[in-house]
Structure formats: C-alpha cells, structure tokens
Amino acid sequence: MTVLNDSGNRPLPGAVFTPRQVRVLKIAVIVMGLLLVGGFAFVLAAIVYQASRGGQDGAVSGAVLGGVEAELPIGKDAAVTALSLDGDRLAIHLNSAAGPEIAVIDLETGKIVARIRLKPE
C-alpha cells in the first residue's frame, strides 16, 4: 500500500492554515471587499438620486400643483407663533388679545377643519 504525499494538506511553515485554506480565504476577502465597495457606491447613488429630485413627493406636489389658496380670518392683533404640518393638514397656533387659538387647515381643499380656542382653567 502506498501513501500519497499531498503537500496541499500540510500547514504552511509558521501557520496553521493549509495553502488551500489560504486561497479560499483570499477569495472570500476579495468578494467581501467588492460587496462593500458596491454597497457604498449604491448608497452614494441613492443619496445623489434623492437629492437631485429636490423633495418631489407625490402628496406634497399634488397639493402644490392644485394651486389651492385659502384665507384664514384672524384678528388684527393676532400673531402666528407656530406652524405644524402633518400630511395634508396644517395647524397654526395664534396668539391674540382674545387668547391663544389653534386653527387646523386642510391643504387640499383650503378649508378650515377646526378652530380650537385655548382657555386657562
């Protein structure tokens, strides 16, 4: 019976890995490096794409393209202190001599949905 001397199965001098294992490890490192570079390029391309669109969102652009104009009757001494946008609703916080008030406007129709007068207890 003869024993074949397979030098590919012996570890390299000063290492615990065989030449075959080193080859497989090199291939794995190269593939993972390419995946990292490709993923990074994809993320950069997505950022550039989103930035070049200029905030064009379907819901917002539909409201803007509709050209809805609305008037909100407020007192002469009233001042807008805060605005809050949620979807197609705009909440406006007003302060006047009569007291604070919140007006909610539907941006698609331009109509006042709610007017809430705030009164201290």
PDB file of N, CA and C in Angstrom:
ATOM      1  N   MET A   1       0.847  -1.153   0.000  1.00  0.00           N
ATOM      2  CA  MET A   1       0.000   0.000   0.000  1.00  0.00           C
ATOM      3  C   MET A   1       0.904   1.229   0.000  1.00  0.00           C
ATOM      4  N   THR A   2       0.561   2.176  -0.906  1.00  0.00           N
ATOM      5  CA  THR A   2       1.374   3.381  -0.997  1.00  0.00           C
ATOM      6  C   THR A   2       0.589   4.565  -0.466  1.00  0.00           C
ATOM      7  N   VAL A   3       1.248   5.410   0.224  1.00  0.00           N
ATOM      8  CA  VAL A   3       0.634   6.609   0.766  1.00  0.00           C
ATOM      9  C   VAL A   3       1.070   7.773  -0.111  1.00  0.00           C
ATOM     10  N   LEU A   4       0.076   8.480  -0.635  1.00  0.00           N
ATOM     11  CA  LEU A   4       0.386   9.635  -1.458  1.00  0.00           C
ATOM     12  C   LEU A   4       0.772  10.803  -0.575  1.00  0.00           C
ATOM     13  N   ASN A   5       1.813  11.476  -0.967  1.00  0.00           N
ATOM     14  CA  ASN A   5       2.268  12.625  -0.205  1.00  0.00           C
ATOM     15  C   ASN A   5       1.563  13.856  -0.757  1.00  0.00           C
ATOM     16  N   ASP A   6       0.579  14.340  -0.061  1.00  0.00           N
ATOM     17  CA  ASP A   6      -0.192  15.517  -0.504  1.00  0.00           C
ATOM     18  C   ASP A   6       0.316  16.722   0.258  1.00  0.00           C
ATOM     19  N   SER A   7       1.153  17.520  -0.406  1.00  0.00           N
ATOM     20  CA  SER A   7       1.724  18.684   0.273  1.00  0.00           C
ATOM     21  C   SER A   7       0.691  19.790   0.450  1.00  0.00           C
ATOM     22  N   GLY A   8      -0.481  19.707  -0.219  1.00  0.00           N
ATOM     23  CA  GLY A   8      -1.531  20.718  -0.093  1.00  0.00           C
ATOM     24  C   GLY A   8      -2.271  20.644   1.227  1.00  0.00           C
ATOM     25  N   ASN A   9      -2.117  19.516   1.921  1.00  0.00           N
ATOM     26  CA  ASN A   9      -2.824  19.358   3.188  1.00  0.00           C
ATOM     27  C   ASN A   9      -1.960  19.677   4.395  1.00  0.00           C
ATOM     28  N   ARG A  10      -0.689  19.991   4.152  1.00  0.00           N
ATOM     29  CA  ARG A  10       0.195  20.324   5.267  1.00  0.00           C
ATOM     30  C   ARG A  10       0.153  21.823   5.504  1.00  0.00           C
ATOM     31  N   PRO A  11       0.097  22.251   6.768  1.00  0.00           N
ATOM     32  CA  PRO A  11       0.098  23.694   7.050  1.00  0.00           C
ATOM     33  C   PRO A  11       1.381  24.348   6.571  1.00  0.00           C
ATOM     34  N   LEU A  12       1.240  25.610   6.235  1.00  0.00           N
ATOM     35  CA  LEU A  12       2.401  26.393   5.834  1.00  0.00           C
ATOM     36  C   LEU A  12       3.334  26.554   7.026  1.00  0.00           C
ATOM     37  N   PRO A  13       4.611  26.734   6.767  1.00  0.00           N
ATOM     38  CA  PRO A  13       5.546  26.901   7.892  1.00  0.00           C
ATOM     39  C   PRO A  13       5.208  28.150   8.698  1.00  0.00           C
ATOM     40  N   GLY A  14       5.070  27.994   9.989  1.00  0.00           N
ATOM     41  CA  GLY A  14       4.779  29.103  10.887  1.00  0.00           C
ATOM     42  C   GLY A  14       3.313  29.487  10.900  1.00  0.00           C
ATOM     43  N   ALA A  15       2.417  28.678  10.293  1.00  0.00           N
ATOM     44  CA  ALA A  15       0.983  28.990  10.247  1.00  0.00           C
ATOM     45  C   ALA A  15       0.190  27.723  10.506  1.00  0.00           C
ATOM     46  N   VAL A  16      -1.104  27.907  10.761  1.00  0.00           N
ATOM     47  CA  VAL A  16      -1.970  26.764  10.995  1.00  0.00           C
ATOM     48  C   VAL A  16      -2.851  26.476   9.781  1.00  0.00           C
ATOM     49  N   PHE A  17      -2.726  27.278   8.725  1.00  0.00           N
ATOM     50  CA  PHE A  17      -3.561  27.112   7.548  1.00  0.00           C
ATOM     51  C   PHE A  17      -2.821  26.393   6.434  1.00  0.00           C
ATOM     52  N   THR A  18      -3.574  25.603   5.682  1.00  0.00           N
ATOM     53  CA  THR A  18      -3.016  24.939   4.510  1.00  0.00           C
ATOM     54  C   THR A  18      -3.074  25.903   3.328  1.00  0.00           C
ATOM     55  N   PRO A  19      -2.305  25.655   2.261  1.00  0.00           N
ATOM     56  CA  PRO A  19      -2.364  26.537   1.097  1.00  0.00           C
ATOM     57  C   PRO A  19      -3.770  26.654   0.505  1.00  0.00           C
ATOM     58  N   ARG A  20      -4.528  25.572   0.534  1.00  0.00           N
ATOM     59  CA  ARG A  20      -5.906  25.615   0.015  1.00  0.00           C
ATOM     60  C   ARG A  20      -6.778  26.555   0.858  1.00  0.00           C
ATOM     61  N   GLN A  21      -6.624  26.468   2.183  1.00  0.00           N
ATOM     62  CA  GLN A  21      -7.388  27.340   3.072  1.00  0.00           C
ATOM     63  C   GLN A  21      -7.006  28.802   2.869  1.00  0.00           C
ATOM     64  N   VAL A  22      -5.743  29.075   2.616  1.00  0.00           N
ATOM     65  CA  VAL A  22      -5.297  30.448   2.375  1.00  0.00           C
ATOM     66  C   VAL A  22      -5.906  30.973   1.084  1.00  0.00           C
ATOM     67  N   ARG A  23      -5.954  30.126   0.037  1.00  0.00           N
ATOM     68  CA  ARG A  23      -6.558  30.509  -1.238  1.00  0.00           C
ATOM     69  C   ARG A  23      -8.044  30.847  -1.063  1.00  0.00           C
ATOM     70  N   VAL A  24      -8.759  29.994  -0.341  1.00  0.00           N
ATOM     71  CA  VAL A  24     -10.194  30.227  -0.099  1.00  0.00           C
ATOM     72  C   VAL A  24     -10.391  31.508   0.717  1.00  0.00           C
ATOM     73  N   LEU A  25      -9.531  31.736   1.686  1.00  0.00           N
ATOM     74  CA  LEU A  25      -9.627  32.944   2.499  1.00  0.00           C
ATOM     75  C   LEU A  25      -9.379  34.196   1.663  1.00  0.00           C
ATOM     76  N   LYS A  26      -8.404  34.150   0.763  1.00  0.00           N
ATOM     77  CA  LYS A  26      -8.137  35.283  -0.118  1.00  0.00           C
ATOM     78  C   LYS A  26      -9.330  35.584  -1.009  1.00  0.00           C
ATOM     79  N   ILE A  27      -9.938  34.541  -1.559  1.00  0.00           N
ATOM     80  CA  ILE A  27     -11.121  34.729  -2.416  1.00  0.00           C
ATOM     81  C   ILE A  27     -12.263  35.337  -1.612  1.00  0.00           C
ATOM     82  N   ALA A  28     -12.478  34.857  -0.382  1.00  0.00           N
ATOM     83  CA  ALA A  28     -13.553  35.386   0.462  1.00  0.00           C
ATOM     84  C   ALA A  28     -13.319  36.854   0.788  1.00  0.00           C
ATOM     85  N   VAL A  29     -12.084  37.223   1.080  1.00  0.00           N
ATOM     86  CA  VAL A  29     -11.761  38.619   1.401  1.00  0.00           C
ATOM     87  C   VAL A  29     -11.997  39.505   0.182  1.00  0.00           C
ATOM     88  N   ILE A  30     -11.609  39.049  -0.998  1.00  0.00           N
ATOM     89  CA  ILE A  30     -11.813  39.838  -2.216  1.00  0.00           C
ATOM     90  C   ILE A  30     -13.300  40.020  -2.499  1.00  0.00           C
ATOM     91  N   VAL A  31     -14.087  38.943  -2.376  1.00  0.00           N
ATOM     92  CA  VAL A  31     -15.533  39.036  -2.626  1.00  0.00           C
ATOM     93  C   VAL A  31     -16.195  39.979  -1.631  1.00  0.00           C
ATOM     94  N   MET A  32     -15.847  39.878  -0.356  1.00  0.00           N
ATOM     95  CA  MET A  32     -16.445  40.767   0.650  1.00  0.00           C
ATOM     96  C   MET A  32     -16.028  42.221   0.430  1.00  0.00           C
ATOM     97  N   GLY A  33     -14.797  42.430  -0.005  1.00  0.00           N
ATOM     98  CA  GLY A  33     -14.347  43.790  -0.325  1.00  0.00           C
ATOM     99  C   GLY A  33     -15.135  44.378  -1.479  1.00  0.00           C
ATOM    100  N   LEU A  34     -15.374  43.563  -2.515  1.00  0.00           N
ATOM    101  CA  LEU A  34     -16.174  44.031  -3.654  1.00  0.00           C
ATOM    102  C   LEU A  34     -17.611  44.332  -3.235  1.00  0.00           C
ATOM    103  N   LEU A  35     -18.168  43.515  -2.352  1.00  0.00           N
ATOM    104  CA  LEU A  35     -19.520  43.780  -1.846  1.00  0.00           C
ATOM    105  C   LEU A  35     -19.567  45.094  -1.063  1.00  0.00           C
ATOM    106  N   LEU A  36     -18.557  45.356  -0.255  1.00  0.00           N
ATOM    107  CA  LEU A  36     -18.512  46.611   0.494  1.00  0.00           C
ATOM    108  C   LEU A  36     -18.425  47.816  -0.440  1.00  0.00           C
ATOM    109  N   VAL A  37     -17.537  47.741  -1.426  1.00  0.00           N
ATOM    110  CA  VAL A  37     -17.380  48.850  -2.364  1.00  0.00           C
ATOM    111  C   VAL A  37     -18.665  49.043  -3.173  1.00  0.00           C
ATOM    112  N   GLY A  38     -19.265  47.944  -3.634  1.00  0.00           N
ATOM    113  CA  GLY A  38     -20.518  48.037  -4.386  1.00  0.00           C
ATOM    114  C   GLY A  38     -21.651  48.609  -3.545  1.00  0.00           C
ATOM    115  N   GLY A  39     -21.757  48.187  -2.291  1.00  0.00           N
ATOM    116  CA  GLY A  39     -22.795  48.712  -1.402  1.00  0.00           C
ATOM    117  C   GLY A  39     -22.607  50.188  -1.126  1.00  0.00           C
ATOM    118  N   PHE A  40     -21.372  50.589  -0.917  1.00  0.00           N
ATOM    119  CA  PHE A  40     -21.077  52.002  -0.686  1.00  0.00           C
ATOM    120  C   PHE A  40     -21.433  52.836  -1.919  1.00  0.00           C
ATOM    121  N   ALA A  41     -21.098  52.333  -3.107  1.00  0.00           N
ATOM    122  CA  ALA A  41     -21.440  53.040  -4.349  1.00  0.00           C
ATOM    123  C   ALA A  41     -22.959  53.142  -4.505  1.00  0.00           C
ATOM    124  N   PHE A  42     -23.675  52.082  -4.141  1.00  0.00           N
ATOM    125  CA  PHE A  42     -25.134  52.102  -4.231  1.00  0.00           C
ATOM    126  C   PHE A  42     -25.736  53.138  -3.280  1.00  0.00           C
ATOM    127  N   VAL A  43     -25.222  53.209  -2.053  1.00  0.00           N
ATOM    128  CA  VAL A  43     -25.730  54.186  -1.084  1.00  0.00           C
ATOM    129  C   VAL A  43     -25.464  55.609  -1.578  1.00  0.00           C
ATOM    130  N   LEU A  44     -24.267  55.859  -2.103  1.00  0.00           N
ATOM    131  CA  LEU A  44     -23.964  57.190  -2.638  1.00  0.00           C
ATOM    132  C   LEU A  44     -24.873  57.534  -3.816  1.00  0.00           C
ATOM    133  N   ALA A  45     -25.116  56.567  -4.698  1.00  0.00           N
ATOM    134  CA  ALA A  45     -26.003  56.808  -5.844  1.00  0.00           C
ATOM    135  C   ALA A  45     -27.427  57.109  -5.374  1.00  0.00           C
ATOM    136  N   ALA A  46     -27.895  56.407  -4.348  1.00  0.00           N
ATOM    137  CA  ALA A  46     -29.238  56.663  -3.821  1.00  0.00           C
ATOM    138  C   ALA A  46     -29.327  58.053  -3.203  1.00  0.00           C
ATOM    139  N   ILE A  47     -28.295  58.491  -2.503  1.00  0.00           N
ATOM    140  CA  ILE A  47     -28.289  59.823  -1.908  1.00  0.00           C
ATOM    141  C   ILE A  47     -28.309  60.892  -2.997  1.00  0.00           C
ATOM    142  N   VAL A  48     -27.488  60.700  -4.033  1.00  0.00           N
ATOM    143  CA  VAL A  48     -27.465  61.665  -5.136  1.00  0.00           C
ATOM    144  C   VAL A  48     -28.812  61.697  -5.844  1.00  0.00           C
ATOM    145  N   TYR A  49     -29.422  60.542  -6.040  1.00  0.00           N
ATOM    146  CA  TYR A  49     -30.737  60.479  -6.701  1.00  0.00           C
ATOM    147  C   TYR A  49     -31.800  61.213  -5.879  1.00  0.00           C
ATOM    148  N   GLN A  50     -31.835  60.948  -4.569  1.00  0.00           N
ATOM    149  CA  GLN A  50     -32.824  61.603  -3.713  1.00  0.00           C
ATOM    150  C   GLN A  50     -32.595  63.107  -3.653  1.00  0.00           C
ATOM    151  N   ALA A  51     -31.336  63.531  -3.606  1.00  0.00           N
ATOM    152  CA  ALA A  51     -31.030  64.955  -3.532  1.00  0.00           C
ATOM    153  C   ALA A  51     -31.369  65.663  -4.835  1.00  0.00           C
ATOM    154  N   SER A  52     -31.202  64.987  -5.965  1.00  0.00           N
ATOM    155  CA  SER A  52     -31.484  65.626  -7.251  1.00  0.00           C
ATOM    156  C   SER A  52     -32.972  65.748  -7.527  1.00  0.00           C
ATOM    157  N   ARG A  53     -33.792  64.971  -6.845  1.00  0.00           N
ATOM    158  CA  ARG A  53     -35.237  65.076  -7.039  1.00  0.00           C
ATOM    159  C   ARG A  53     -35.790  66.344  -6.414  1.00  0.00           C
ATOM    160  N   GLY A  54     -35.080  66.928  -5.472  1.00  0.00           N
ATOM    161  CA  GLY A  54     -35.474  68.201  -4.877  1.00  0.00           C
ATOM    162  C   GLY A  54     -36.717  68.130  -4.024  1.00  0.00           C
ATOM    163  N   GLY A  55     -36.929  67.049  -3.299  1.00  0.00           N
ATOM    164  CA  GLY A  55     -38.068  66.948  -2.400  1.00  0.00           C
ATOM    165  C   GLY A  55     -39.386  66.788  -3.123  1.00  0.00           C
ATOM    166  N   GLN A  56     -39.379  66.187  -4.291  1.00  0.00           N
ATOM    167  CA  GLN A  56     -40.619  65.984  -5.032  1.00  0.00           C
ATOM    168  C   GLN A  56     -41.310  64.755  -4.485  1.00  0.00           C
ATOM    169  N   ASP A  57     -42.333  64.970  -3.685  1.00  0.00           N
ATOM    170  CA  ASP A  57     -43.118  63.887  -3.116  1.00  0.00           C
ATOM    171  C   ASP A  57     -44.508  63.956  -3.723  1.00  0.00           C
ATOM    172  N   GLY A  58     -45.132  62.832  -3.979  1.00  0.00           N
ATOM    173  CA  GLY A  58     -46.429  62.800  -4.643  1.00  0.00           C
ATOM    174  C   GLY A  58     -47.499  63.598  -3.913  1.00  0.00           C
ATOM    175  N   ALA A  59     -47.628  63.426  -2.594  1.00  0.00           N
ATOM    176  CA  ALA A  59     -48.684  64.106  -1.853  1.00  0.00           C
ATOM    177  C   ALA A  59     -48.451  65.612  -1.799  1.00  0.00           C
ATOM    178  N   VAL A  60     -47.235  66.009  -1.545  1.00  0.00           N
ATOM    179  CA  VAL A  60     -46.953  67.430  -1.423  1.00  0.00           C
ATOM    180  C   VAL A  60     -47.059  68.114  -2.776  1.00  0.00           C
ATOM    181  N   SER A  61     -46.504  67.491  -3.829  1.00  0.00           N
ATOM    182  CA  SER A  61     -46.551  68.131  -5.138  1.00  0.00           C
ATOM    183  C   SER A  61     -47.980  68.201  -5.660  1.00  0.00           C
ATOM    184  N   GLY A  62     -48.819  67.231  -5.280  1.00  0.00           N
ATOM    185  CA  GLY A  62     -50.224  67.292  -5.698  1.00  0.00           C
ATOM    186  C   GLY A  62     -50.925  68.494  -5.091  1.00  0.00           C
ATOM    187  N   ALA A  63     -50.638  68.787  -3.814  1.00  0.00           N
ATOM    188  CA  ALA A  63     -51.261  69.935  -3.163  1.00  0.00           C
ATOM    189  C   ALA A  63     -50.743  71.244  -3.747  1.00  0.00           C
ATOM    190  N   VAL A  64     -49.458  71.275  -4.065  1.00  0.00           N
ATOM    191  CA  VAL A  64     -48.884  72.492  -4.615  1.00  0.00           C
ATOM    192  C   VAL A  64     -49.375  72.708  -6.036  1.00  0.00           C
ATOM    193  N   LEU A  65     -49.442  71.642  -6.830  1.00  0.00           N
ATOM    194  CA  LEU A  65     -49.893  71.761  -8.209  1.00  0.00           C
ATOM    195  C   LEU A  65     -51.374  72.110  -8.283  1.00  0.00           C
ATOM    196  N   GLY A  66     -52.129  71.743  -7.248  1.00  0.00           N
ATOM    197  CA  GLY A  66     -53.555  72.063  -7.244  1.00  0.00           C
ATOM    198  C   GLY A  66     -53.785  73.559  -7.131  1.00  0.00           C
ATOM    199  N   GLY A  67     -52.829  74.303  -6.628  1.00  0.00           N
ATOM    200  CA  GLY A  67     -52.930  75.750  -6.530  1.00  0.00           C
ATOM    201  C   GLY A  67     -54.018  76.216  -5.579  1.00  0.00           C
ATOM    202  N   VAL A  68     -54.226  75.518  -4.481  1.00  0.00           N
ATOM    203  CA  VAL A  68     -55.259  75.898  -3.525  1.00  0.00           C
ATOM    204  C   VAL A  68     -54.793  77.117  -2.746  1.00  0.00           C
ATOM    205  N   GLU A  69     -55.622  78.144  -2.724  1.00  0.00           N
ATOM    206  CA  GLU A  69     -55.354  79.316  -1.893  1.00  0.00           C
ATOM    207  C   GLU A  69     -56.460  79.407  -0.856  1.00  0.00           C
ATOM    208  N   ALA A  70     -56.068  79.726   0.353  1.00  0.00           N
ATOM    209  CA  ALA A  70     -57.049  79.829   1.422  1.00  0.00           C
ATOM    210  C   ALA A  70     -56.753  81.067   2.252  1.00  0.00           C
ATOM    211  N   GLU A  71     -57.802  81.633   2.813  1.00  0.00           N
ATOM    212  CA  GLU A  71     -57.654  82.765   3.715  1.00  0.00           C
ATOM    213  C   GLU A  71     -58.107  82.331   5.092  1.00  0.00           C
ATOM    214  N   LEU A  72     -57.329  82.725   6.075  1.00  0.00           N
ATOM    215  CA  LEU A  72     -57.650  82.425   7.458  1.00  0.00           C
ATOM    216  C   LEU A  72     -57.950  83.734   8.158  1.00  0.00           C
ATOM    217  N   PRO A  73     -59.221  83.986   8.460  1.00  0.00           N
ATOM    218  CA  PRO A  73     -59.553  85.235   9.141  1.00  0.00           C
ATOM    219  C   PRO A  73     -59.076  85.210  10.593  1.00  0.00           C
ATOM    220  N   ILE A  74     -58.209  86.172  10.931  1.00  0.00           N
ATOM    221  CA  ILE A  74     -57.723  86.308  12.301  1.00  0.00           C
ATOM    222  C   ILE A  74     -57.837  87.776  12.687  1.00  0.00           C
ATOM    223  N   GLY A  75     -57.789  88.026  13.981  1.00  0.00           N
ATOM    224  CA  GLY A  75     -57.886  89.402  14.466  1.00  0.00           C
ATOM    225  C   GLY A  75     -56.659  90.222  14.090  1.00  0.00           C
ATOM    226  N   LYS A  76     -56.818  91.556  14.119  1.00  0.00           N
ATOM    227  CA  LYS A  76     -55.710  92.438  13.745  1.00  0.00           C
ATOM    228  C   LYS A  76     -54.529  92.300  14.694  1.00  0.00           C
ATOM    229  N   ASP A  77     -54.798  92.014  15.950  1.00  0.00           N
ATOM    230  CA  ASP A  77     -53.716  91.921  16.928  1.00  0.00           C
ATOM    231  C   ASP A  77     -53.159  90.499  17.053  1.00  0.00           C
ATOM    232  N   ALA A  78     -53.681  89.556  16.284  1.00  0.00           N
ATOM    233  CA  ALA A  78     -53.249  88.165  16.382  1.00  0.00           C
ATOM    234  C   ALA A  78     -51.890  87.969  15.708  1.00  0.00           C
ATOM    235  N   ALA A  79     -51.115  87.072  16.265  1.00  0.00           N
ATOM    236  CA  ALA A  79     -49.794  86.760  15.719  1.00  0.00           C
ATOM    237  C   ALA A  79     -49.641  85.247  15.629  1.00  0.00           C
ATOM    238  N   VAL A  80     -49.084  84.794  14.528  1.00  0.00           N
ATOM    239  CA  VAL A  80     -48.812  83.373  14.353  1.00  0.00           C
ATOM    240  C   VAL A  80     -47.541  83.048  15.135  1.00  0.00           C
ATOM    241  N   THR A  81     -47.654  82.096  16.075  1.00  0.00           N
ATOM    242  CA  THR A  81     -46.496  81.746  16.891  1.00  0.00           C
ATOM    243  C   THR A  81     -45.889  80.410  16.504  1.00  0.00           C
ATOM    244  N   ALA A  82     -46.662  79.530  15.858  1.00  0.00           N
ATOM    245  CA  ALA A  82     -46.112  78.226  15.476  1.00  0.00           C
ATOM    246  C   ALA A  82     -46.935  77.629  14.349  1.00  0.00           C
ATOM    247  N   LEU A  83     -46.273  76.828  13.527  1.00  0.00           N
ATOM    248  CA  LEU A  83     -46.921  76.077  12.456  1.00  0.00           C
ATOM    249  C   LEU A  83     -46.517  74.620  12.598  1.00  0.00           C
ATOM    250  N   SER A  84     -47.441  73.716  12.261  1.00  0.00           N
ATOM    251  CA  SER A  84     -47.125  72.295  12.302  1.00  0.00           C
ATOM    252  C   SER A  84     -47.829  71.619  11.135  1.00  0.00           C
ATOM    253  N   LEU A  85     -47.068  70.875  10.337  1.00  0.00           N
ATOM    254  CA  LEU A  85     -47.608  70.218   9.157  1.00  0.00           C
ATOM    255  C   LEU A  85     -47.638  68.718   9.393  1.00  0.00           C
ATOM    256  N   ASP A  86     -48.782  68.093   9.107  1.00  0.00           N
ATOM    257  CA  ASP A  86     -48.915  66.645   9.226  1.00  0.00           C
ATOM    258  C   ASP A  86     -49.716  66.150   8.036  1.00  0.00           C
ATOM    259  N   GLY A  87     -49.026  65.599   7.046  1.00  0.00           N
ATOM    260  CA  GLY A  87     -49.715  65.123   5.854  1.00  0.00           C
ATOM    261  C   GLY A  87     -50.286  66.292   5.084  1.00  0.00           C
ATOM    262  N   ASP A  88     -51.610  66.306   4.933  1.00  0.00           N
ATOM    263  CA  ASP A  88     -52.258  67.406   4.219  1.00  0.00           C
ATOM    264  C   ASP A  88     -52.977  68.354   5.179  1.00  0.00           C
ATOM    265  N   ARG A  89     -52.607  68.337   6.451  1.00  0.00           N
ATOM    266  CA  ARG A  89     -53.200  69.233   7.452  1.00  0.00           C
ATOM    267  C   ARG A  89     -52.141  70.170   8.006  1.00  0.00           C
ATOM    268  N   LEU A  90     -52.515  71.438   8.165  1.00  0.00           N
ATOM    269  CA  LEU A  90     -51.626  72.446   8.728  1.00  0.00           C
ATOM    270  C   LEU A  90     -52.274  73.006   9.986  1.00  0.00           C
ATOM    271  N   ALA A  91     -51.552  72.955  11.090  1.00  0.00           N
ATOM    272  CA  ALA A  91     -52.038  73.527  12.352  1.00  0.00           C
ATOM    273  C   ALA A  91     -51.292  74.839  12.593  1.00  0.00           C
ATOM    274  N   ILE A  92     -52.060  75.887  12.836  1.00  0.00           N
ATOM    275  CA  ILE A  92     -51.486  77.212  13.066  1.00  0.00           C
ATOM    276  C   ILE A  92     -51.835  77.631  14.491  1.00  0.00           C
ATOM    277  N   HIS A  93     -50.824  77.991  15.280  1.00  0.00           N
ATOM    278  CA  HIS A  93     -51.043  78.454  16.641  1.00  0.00           C
ATOM    279  C   HIS A  93     -51.014  79.975  16.622  1.00  0.00           C
ATOM    280  N   LEU A  94     -52.103  80.591  17.080  1.00  0.00           N
ATOM    281  CA  LEU A  94     -52.248  82.047  17.065  1.00  0.00           C
ATOM    282  C   LEU A  94     -52.329  82.570  18.497  1.00  0.00           C
ATOM    283  N   ASN A  95     -51.757  83.738  18.709  1.00  0.00           N
ATOM    284  CA  ASN A  95     -51.894  84.443  19.983  1.00  0.00           C
ATOM    285  C   ASN A  95     -52.513  85.802  19.699  1.00  0.00           C
ATOM    286  N   SER A  96     -53.555  86.126  20.430  1.00  0.00           N
ATOM    287  CA  SER A  96     -54.201  87.432  20.266  1.00  0.00           C
ATOM    288  C   SER A  96     -54.672  87.919  21.628  1.00  0.00           C
ATOM    289  N   ALA A  97     -55.289  89.108  21.629  1.00  0.00           N
ATOM    290  CA  ALA A  97     -55.817  89.654  22.882  1.00  0.00           C
ATOM    291  C   ALA A  97     -56.956  88.792  23.415  1.00  0.00           C
ATOM    292  N   ALA A  98     -57.692  88.126  22.517  1.00  0.00           N
ATOM    293  CA  ALA A  98     -58.791  87.260  22.927  1.00  0.00           C
ATOM    294  C   ALA A  98     -58.284  85.955  23.541  1.00  0.00           C
ATOM    295  N   GLY A  99     -57.011  85.651  23.348  1.00  0.00           N
ATOM    296  CA  GLY A  99     -56.437  84.424  23.892  1.00  0.00           C
ATOM    297  C   GLY A  99     -55.819  83.569  22.804  1.00  0.00           C
ATOM    298  N   PRO A 100     -55.111  82.533  23.200  1.00  0.00           N
ATOM    299  CA  PRO A 100     -54.480  81.660  22.216  1.00  0.00           C
ATOM    300  C   PRO A 100     -55.513  80.792  21.495  1.00  0.00           C
ATOM    301  N   GLU A 101     -55.160  80.411  20.268  1.00  0.00           N
ATOM    302  CA  GLU A 101     -56.090  79.647  19.436  1.00  0.00           C
ATOM    303  C   GLU A 101     -55.272  78.781  18.475  1.00  0.00           C
ATOM    304  N   ILE A 102     -55.834  77.621  18.115  1.00  0.00           N
ATOM    305  CA  ILE A 102     -55.219  76.744  17.119  1.00  0.00           C
ATOM    306  C   ILE A 102     -56.206  76.558  15.992  1.00  0.00           C
ATOM    307  N   ALA A 103     -55.755  76.813  14.762  1.00  0.00           N
ATOM    308  CA  ALA A 103     -56.590  76.608  13.580  1.00  0.00           C
ATOM    309  C   ALA A 103     -55.977  75.484  12.755  1.00  0.00           C
ATOM    310  N   VAL A 104     -56.811  74.524  12.336  1.00  0.00           N
ATOM    311  CA  VAL A 104     -56.353  73.400  11.523  1.00  0.00           C
ATOM    312  C   VAL A 104     -56.940  73.561  10.132  1.00  0.00           C
ATOM    313  N   ILE A 105     -56.057  73.543   9.106  1.00  0.00           N
ATOM    314  CA  ILE A 105     -56.479  73.766   7.731  1.00  0.00           C
ATOM    315  C   ILE A 105     -56.167  72.532   6.901  1.00  0.00           C
ATOM    316  N   ASP A 106     -57.134  72.107   6.066  1.00  0.00           N
ATOM    317  CA  ASP A 106     -56.913  71.034   5.102  1.00  0.00           C
ATOM    318  C   ASP A 106     -56.261  71.656   3.868  1.00  0.00           C
ATOM    319  N   LEU A 107     -55.034  71.254   3.550  1.00  0.00           N
ATOM    320  CA  LEU A 107     -54.283  71.884   2.473  1.00  0.00           C
ATOM    321  C   LEU A 107     -54.809  71.519   1.083  1.00  0.00           C
ATOM    322  N   GLU A 108     -55.503  70.410   0.942  1.00  0.00           N
ATOM    323  CA  GLU A 108     -56.020  70.032  -0.370  1.00  0.00           C
ATOM    324  C   GLU A 108     -57.225  70.872  -0.765  1.00  0.00           C
ATOM    325  N   THR A 109     -58.068  71.206   0.205  1.00  0.00           N
ATOM    326  CA  THR A 109     -59.269  71.987  -0.105  1.00  0.00           C
ATOM    327  C   THR A 109     -59.119  73.443   0.300  1.00  0.00           C
ATOM    328  N   GLY A 110     -58.212  73.748   1.236  1.00  0.00           N
ATOM    329  CA  GLY A 110     -58.042  75.102   1.722  1.00  0.00           C
ATOM    330  C   GLY A 110     -59.065  75.490   2.773  1.00  0.00           C
ATOM    331  N   LYS A 111     -59.859  74.567   3.236  1.00  0.00           N
ATOM    332  CA  LYS A 111     -60.904  74.866   4.226  1.00  0.00           C
ATOM    333  C   LYS A 111     -60.378  74.665   5.638  1.00  0.00           C
ATOM    334  N   ILE A 112     -60.945  75.451   6.549  1.00  0.00           N
ATOM    335  CA  ILE A 112     -60.605  75.332   7.966  1.00  0.00           C
ATOM    336  C   ILE A 112     -61.344  74.114   8.513  1.00  0.00           C
ATOM    337  N   VAL A 113     -60.597  73.155   9.009  1.00  0.00           N
ATOM    338  CA  VAL A 113     -61.185  71.930   9.534  1.00  0.00           C
ATOM    339  C   VAL A 113     -61.623  72.131  10.978  1.00  0.00           C
ATOM    340  N   ALA A 114     -60.805  72.831  11.753  1.00  0.00           N
ATOM    341  CA  ALA A 114     -61.126  73.047  13.165  1.00  0.00           C
ATOM    342  C   ALA A 114     -60.493  74.328  13.656  1.00  0.00           C
ATOM    343  N   ARG A 115     -61.171  74.981  14.583  1.00  0.00           N
ATOM    344  CA  ARG A 115     -60.643  76.156  15.285  1.00  0.00           C
ATOM    345  C   ARG A 115     -60.806  75.867  16.763  1.00  0.00           C
ATOM    346  N   ILE A 116     -59.713  75.854  17.462  1.00  0.00           N
ATOM    347  CA  ILE A 116     -59.739  75.499  18.870  1.00  0.00           C
ATOM    348  C   ILE A 116     -59.254  76.681  19.682  1.00  0.00           C
ATOM    349  N   ARG A 117     -60.121  77.219  20.517  1.00  0.00           N
ATOM    350  CA  ARG A 117     -59.755  78.317  21.408  1.00  0.00           C
ATOM    351  C   ARG A 117     -59.229  77.697  22.706  1.00  0.00           C
ATOM    352  N   LEU A 118     -58.095  78.175  23.124  1.00  0.00           N
ATOM    353  CA  LEU A 118     -57.480  77.673  24.343  1.00  0.00           C
ATOM    354  C   LEU A 118     -57.797  78.633  25.479  1.00  0.00           C
ATOM    355  N   LYS A 119     -58.332  78.092  26.554  1.00  0.00           N
ATOM    356  CA  LYS A 119     -58.639  78.950  27.700  1.00  0.00           C
ATOM    357  C   LYS A 119     -58.079  78.319  28.964  1.00  0.00           C
ATOM    358  N   PRO A 120     -57.480  79.126  29.796  1.00  0.00           N
ATOM    359  CA  PRO A 120     -56.880  78.584  31.031  1.00  0.00           C
ATOM    360  C   PRO A 120     -57.973  78.191  32.009  1.00  0.00           C
ATOM    361  N   GLU A 121     -57.658  77.232  32.849  1.00  0.00           N
ATOM    362  CA  GLU A 121     -58.637  76.781  33.857  1.00  0.00           C
ATOM    363  C   GLU A 121     -58.478  77.557  35.134  1.00  0.00           C
TER     364      GLU A 121
END
